[in-house]
């Protein structure tokens, strides 16, 4: 599932939950609003935490891929240089 869909679903869930919470709340209005604000803040904090975890994981994977690509490039260059030197040796000794 894409990140955009997760965020949209979370925001929609918060909005629907807030409206239903107000409509069916057994508490006094000010208490209910405070509870909704607290719960909304909890959800926002959780969403931020998950986003940061996702961003950190993505950054780590990108860095790992970058390092792997550098190693592959270095090995490829070494192989190419070796083949070039072998090719020059072959051409030097041809009859």
N, C-alpha and C. Protein backbone atom coordinates (compact mmCIF):
# COMPACT_ATOMS: atom_id res chain seq x y z
N UNK A 1 0.86 -1.17 0.00
CA UNK A 1 0.00 0.00 0.00
C UNK A 1 0.90 1.23 0.00
N UNK A 2 0.53 2.23 -0.77
CA UNK A 2 1.38 3.41 -0.87
C UNK A 2 1.25 4.28 0.37
N UNK A 3 2.27 5.08 0.62
CA UNK A 3 2.28 5.95 1.78
C UNK A 3 1.14 6.95 1.72
N UNK A 4 0.83 7.46 0.54
CA UNK A 4 -0.26 8.43 0.39
C UNK A 4 -1.59 7.84 0.82
N UNK A 5 -1.83 6.58 0.48
CA UNK A 5 -3.08 5.93 0.87
C UNK A 5 -3.14 5.73 2.38
N UNK A 6 -2.01 5.40 2.98
CA UNK A 6 -1.97 5.21 4.43
C UNK A 6 -2.27 6.53 5.13
N UNK A 7 -1.65 7.60 4.67
CA UNK A 7 -1.86 8.91 5.28
C UNK A 7 -3.32 9.34 5.10
N UNK A 8 -3.86 9.17 3.89
CA UNK A 8 -5.24 9.54 3.63
C UNK A 8 -6.19 8.73 4.50
N UNK A 9 -5.96 7.44 4.63
CA UNK A 9 -6.79 6.60 5.47
C UNK A 9 -6.72 7.00 6.93
N UNK A 10 -5.53 7.36 7.39
CA UNK A 10 -5.35 7.79 8.77
C UNK A 10 -6.10 9.09 9.03
N UNK A 11 -5.96 10.05 8.14
CA UNK A 11 -6.64 11.34 8.30
C UNK A 11 -8.15 11.15 8.26
N UNK A 12 -8.64 10.34 7.32
CA UNK A 12 -10.08 10.09 7.23
C UNK A 12 -10.58 9.39 8.49
N UNK A 13 -9.83 8.44 8.99
CA UNK A 13 -10.20 7.74 10.21
C UNK A 13 -10.26 8.67 11.41
N UNK A 14 -9.29 9.58 11.49
CA UNK A 14 -9.30 10.56 12.58
C UNK A 14 -10.53 11.46 12.49
N UNK A 15 -10.85 11.92 11.30
CA UNK A 15 -12.00 12.82 11.13
C UNK A 15 -13.30 12.10 11.48
N UNK A 16 -13.48 10.90 10.97
CA UNK A 16 -14.70 10.15 11.24
C UNK A 16 -14.80 9.81 12.73
N UNK A 17 -13.70 9.39 13.30
CA UNK A 17 -13.68 9.07 14.73
C UNK A 17 -13.99 10.28 15.59
N UNK A 18 -13.48 11.43 15.20
CA UNK A 18 -13.76 12.65 15.95
C UNK A 18 -15.23 13.02 15.91
N UNK A 19 -15.83 12.96 14.73
CA UNK A 19 -17.25 13.29 14.59
C UNK A 19 -18.11 12.31 15.39
N UNK A 20 -17.84 11.02 15.25
CA UNK A 20 -18.62 10.02 15.98
C UNK A 20 -18.40 10.15 17.49
N UNK A 21 -17.20 10.48 17.88
CA UNK A 21 -16.92 10.68 19.30
C UNK A 21 -17.73 11.81 19.89
N UNK A 22 -17.87 12.88 19.14
CA UNK A 22 -18.66 14.03 19.62
C UNK A 22 -20.14 13.66 19.68
N UNK A 23 -20.63 12.97 18.66
CA UNK A 23 -22.06 12.63 18.60
C UNK A 23 -22.49 11.66 19.69
N UNK A 24 -21.65 10.71 20.02
CA UNK A 24 -22.04 9.67 20.97
C UNK A 24 -21.33 9.77 22.31
N UNK A 25 -20.81 10.91 22.63
CA UNK A 25 -20.03 11.07 23.86
C UNK A 25 -20.93 11.16 25.09
N UNK A 26 -20.64 10.37 26.12
CA UNK A 26 -21.41 10.46 27.37
C UNK A 26 -20.87 11.55 28.29
N UNK A 27 -19.75 12.12 27.96
CA UNK A 27 -19.10 13.12 28.80
C UNK A 27 -19.59 14.53 28.45
N UNK A 28 -19.24 15.46 29.31
CA UNK A 28 -19.50 16.87 29.05
C UNK A 28 -18.71 17.30 27.81
N UNK A 29 -19.21 18.25 27.06
CA UNK A 29 -18.61 18.68 25.80
C UNK A 29 -17.15 19.06 25.91
N UNK A 30 -16.79 19.85 26.92
CA UNK A 30 -15.39 20.28 27.05
C UNK A 30 -14.47 19.10 27.34
N UNK A 31 -14.96 18.16 28.14
CA UNK A 31 -14.17 16.97 28.45
C UNK A 31 -13.99 16.12 27.19
N UNK A 32 -15.08 15.97 26.44
CA UNK A 32 -15.03 15.18 25.20
C UNK A 32 -14.07 15.81 24.20
N UNK A 33 -14.15 17.12 24.06
CA UNK A 33 -13.25 17.81 23.12
C UNK A 33 -11.79 17.62 23.53
N UNK A 34 -11.53 17.70 24.83
CA UNK A 34 -10.16 17.51 25.31
C UNK A 34 -9.69 16.08 25.03
N UNK A 35 -10.58 15.11 25.24
CA UNK A 35 -10.22 13.72 24.96
C UNK A 35 -9.94 13.51 23.48
N UNK A 36 -10.75 14.15 22.63
CA UNK A 36 -10.55 14.04 21.19
C UNK A 36 -9.22 14.68 20.80
N UNK A 37 -8.92 15.84 21.38
CA UNK A 37 -7.65 16.50 21.09
C UNK A 37 -6.47 15.63 21.54
N UNK A 38 -6.60 15.06 22.72
CA UNK A 38 -5.53 14.20 23.23
C UNK A 38 -5.33 12.98 22.32
N UNK A 39 -6.44 12.36 21.94
CA UNK A 39 -6.35 11.19 21.07
C UNK A 39 -5.80 11.58 19.70
N UNK A 40 -6.24 12.72 19.18
CA UNK A 40 -5.72 13.21 17.90
C UNK A 40 -4.22 13.46 17.97
N UNK A 41 -3.78 14.05 19.08
CA UNK A 41 -2.34 14.28 19.26
C UNK A 41 -1.58 12.96 19.35
N UNK A 42 -2.18 11.98 20.03
CA UNK A 42 -1.54 10.66 20.11
C UNK A 42 -1.40 10.04 18.72
N UNK A 43 -2.48 10.13 17.93
CA UNK A 43 -2.43 9.59 16.56
C UNK A 43 -1.41 10.34 15.72
N UNK A 44 -1.36 11.66 15.87
CA UNK A 44 -0.40 12.45 15.10
C UNK A 44 1.03 12.07 15.48
N UNK A 45 1.27 11.90 16.78
CA UNK A 45 2.61 11.50 17.24
C UNK A 45 2.98 10.12 16.70
N UNK A 46 2.01 9.20 16.72
CA UNK A 46 2.26 7.86 16.19
C UNK A 46 2.55 7.91 14.69
N UNK A 47 1.79 8.73 13.98
CA UNK A 47 2.00 8.87 12.54
C UNK A 47 3.38 9.46 12.25
N UNK A 48 3.77 10.48 13.01
CA UNK A 48 5.10 11.08 12.84
C UNK A 48 6.19 10.04 13.11
N UNK A 49 6.00 9.26 14.16
CA UNK A 49 6.98 8.23 14.51
C UNK A 49 7.11 7.20 13.39
N UNK A 50 5.97 6.75 12.86
CA UNK A 50 6.01 5.76 11.78
C UNK A 50 6.64 6.36 10.53
N UNK A 51 6.33 7.62 10.25
CA UNK A 51 6.93 8.28 9.09
C UNK A 51 8.44 8.38 9.26
N UNK A 52 8.89 8.79 10.45
CA UNK A 52 10.33 8.90 10.71
C UNK A 52 11.01 7.54 10.59
N UNK A 53 10.37 6.49 11.12
CA UNK A 53 10.93 5.14 10.99
C UNK A 53 11.04 4.75 9.52
N UNK A 54 9.99 5.03 8.75
CA UNK A 54 9.99 4.72 7.32
C UNK A 54 11.09 5.50 6.61
N UNK A 55 11.21 6.80 6.92
CA UNK A 55 12.23 7.63 6.27
C UNK A 55 13.63 7.14 6.63
N UNK A 56 13.84 6.77 7.88
CA UNK A 56 15.15 6.26 8.30
C UNK A 56 15.48 4.94 7.60
N UNK A 57 14.50 4.05 7.52
CA UNK A 57 14.71 2.77 6.84
C UNK A 57 15.03 2.99 5.38
N UNK A 58 14.29 3.88 4.75
CA UNK A 58 14.52 4.19 3.34
C UNK A 58 15.91 4.77 3.14
N UNK A 59 16.32 5.66 4.03
CA UNK A 59 17.64 6.27 3.95
C UNK A 59 18.74 5.21 4.10
N UNK A 60 18.55 4.30 5.06
CA UNK A 60 19.53 3.24 5.27
C UNK A 60 19.64 2.33 4.04
N UNK A 61 18.49 1.98 3.46
CA UNK A 61 18.50 1.13 2.28
C UNK A 61 19.15 1.84 1.10
N UNK A 62 18.89 3.13 0.96
CA UNK A 62 19.50 3.91 -0.12
C UNK A 62 21.01 3.93 0.06
N UNK A 63 21.47 4.18 1.29
CA UNK A 63 22.91 4.22 1.56
C UNK A 63 23.55 2.87 1.28
N UNK A 64 22.87 1.79 1.69
CA UNK A 64 23.38 0.44 1.45
C UNK A 64 23.48 0.17 -0.05
N UNK A 65 22.45 0.57 -0.80
CA UNK A 65 22.47 0.40 -2.25
C UNK A 65 23.57 1.21 -2.90
N UNK A 66 23.80 2.40 -2.39
CA UNK A 66 24.85 3.27 -2.93
C UNK A 66 26.23 2.63 -2.70
N UNK A 67 26.44 2.10 -1.49
CA UNK A 67 27.71 1.45 -1.19
C UNK A 67 27.90 0.20 -2.06
N UNK A 68 26.83 -0.57 -2.25
CA UNK A 68 26.90 -1.76 -3.09
C UNK A 68 27.26 -1.37 -4.52
N UNK A 69 26.63 -0.32 -5.03
CA UNK A 69 26.90 0.13 -6.40
C UNK A 69 28.36 0.58 -6.54
N UNK A 70 28.90 1.23 -5.51
CA UNK A 70 30.30 1.65 -5.56
C UNK A 70 31.23 0.44 -5.62
N UNK A 71 30.94 -0.58 -4.82
CA UNK A 71 31.77 -1.80 -4.82
C UNK A 71 31.69 -2.47 -6.18
N UNK A 72 30.48 -2.58 -6.73
CA UNK A 72 30.31 -3.20 -8.04
C UNK A 72 31.07 -2.42 -9.10
N UNK A 73 31.00 -1.09 -9.04
CA UNK A 73 31.70 -0.25 -10.02
C UNK A 73 33.22 -0.43 -9.89
N UNK A 74 33.72 -0.47 -8.66
CA UNK A 74 35.16 -0.66 -8.46
C UNK A 74 35.60 -2.02 -8.97
N UNK A 75 34.82 -3.06 -8.66
CA UNK A 75 35.17 -4.40 -9.15
C UNK A 75 35.09 -4.47 -10.66
N UNK A 76 34.10 -3.84 -11.24
CA UNK A 76 33.97 -3.82 -12.69
C UNK A 76 35.13 -3.12 -13.35
N UNK A 77 35.56 -2.00 -12.75
CA UNK A 77 36.70 -1.26 -13.30
C UNK A 77 37.97 -2.11 -13.21
N UNK A 78 38.15 -2.79 -12.08
CA UNK A 78 39.33 -3.64 -11.92
C UNK A 78 39.32 -4.77 -12.96
N UNK A 79 38.17 -5.38 -13.17
CA UNK A 79 38.06 -6.44 -14.18
C UNK A 79 38.34 -5.89 -15.57
N UNK A 80 37.81 -4.72 -15.87
CA UNK A 80 38.03 -4.10 -17.18
C UNK A 80 39.51 -3.81 -17.39
N UNK A 81 40.15 -3.23 -16.37
CA UNK A 81 41.58 -2.94 -16.47
C UNK A 81 42.39 -4.21 -16.68
N UNK A 82 42.01 -5.27 -15.98
CA UNK A 82 42.72 -6.54 -16.13
C UNK A 82 42.55 -7.09 -17.55
N UNK A 83 41.33 -7.03 -18.06
CA UNK A 83 41.10 -7.50 -19.43
C UNK A 83 41.86 -6.66 -20.45
N UNK A 84 41.94 -5.37 -20.21
CA UNK A 84 42.68 -4.49 -21.11
C UNK A 84 44.16 -4.87 -21.13
N UNK A 85 44.71 -5.14 -19.94
CA UNK A 85 46.13 -5.50 -19.89
C UNK A 85 46.38 -6.85 -20.55
N UNK A 86 45.47 -7.80 -20.38
CA UNK A 86 45.60 -9.11 -21.03
C UNK A 86 45.50 -8.94 -22.54
N UNK A 87 44.59 -8.11 -23.01
CA UNK A 87 44.40 -7.87 -24.44
C UNK A 87 45.67 -7.26 -25.03
N UNK A 88 46.30 -6.33 -24.32
CA UNK A 88 47.54 -5.72 -24.81
C UNK A 88 48.67 -6.75 -24.85
N UNK A 89 48.71 -7.64 -23.89
CA UNK A 89 49.74 -8.67 -23.89
C UNK A 89 49.53 -9.62 -25.06
N UNK A 90 48.30 -9.99 -25.33
CA UNK A 90 48.01 -10.89 -26.46
C UNK A 90 48.43 -10.25 -27.77
N UNK A 91 48.11 -8.97 -27.95
CA UNK A 91 48.43 -8.32 -29.22
C UNK A 91 49.94 -8.13 -29.38
N UNK A 92 50.67 -8.04 -28.29
CA UNK A 92 52.12 -7.87 -28.35
C UNK A 92 52.79 -9.14 -28.85
N UNK A 93 52.22 -10.30 -28.54
CA UNK A 93 52.85 -11.56 -28.88
C UNK A 93 52.23 -12.26 -30.09
N UNK A 94 51.37 -11.63 -30.81
CA UNK A 94 50.76 -12.25 -31.99
C UNK A 94 51.78 -12.31 -33.12
N UNK A 95 51.65 -13.32 -33.91
CA UNK A 95 52.56 -13.49 -35.04
C UNK A 95 52.02 -12.90 -36.30
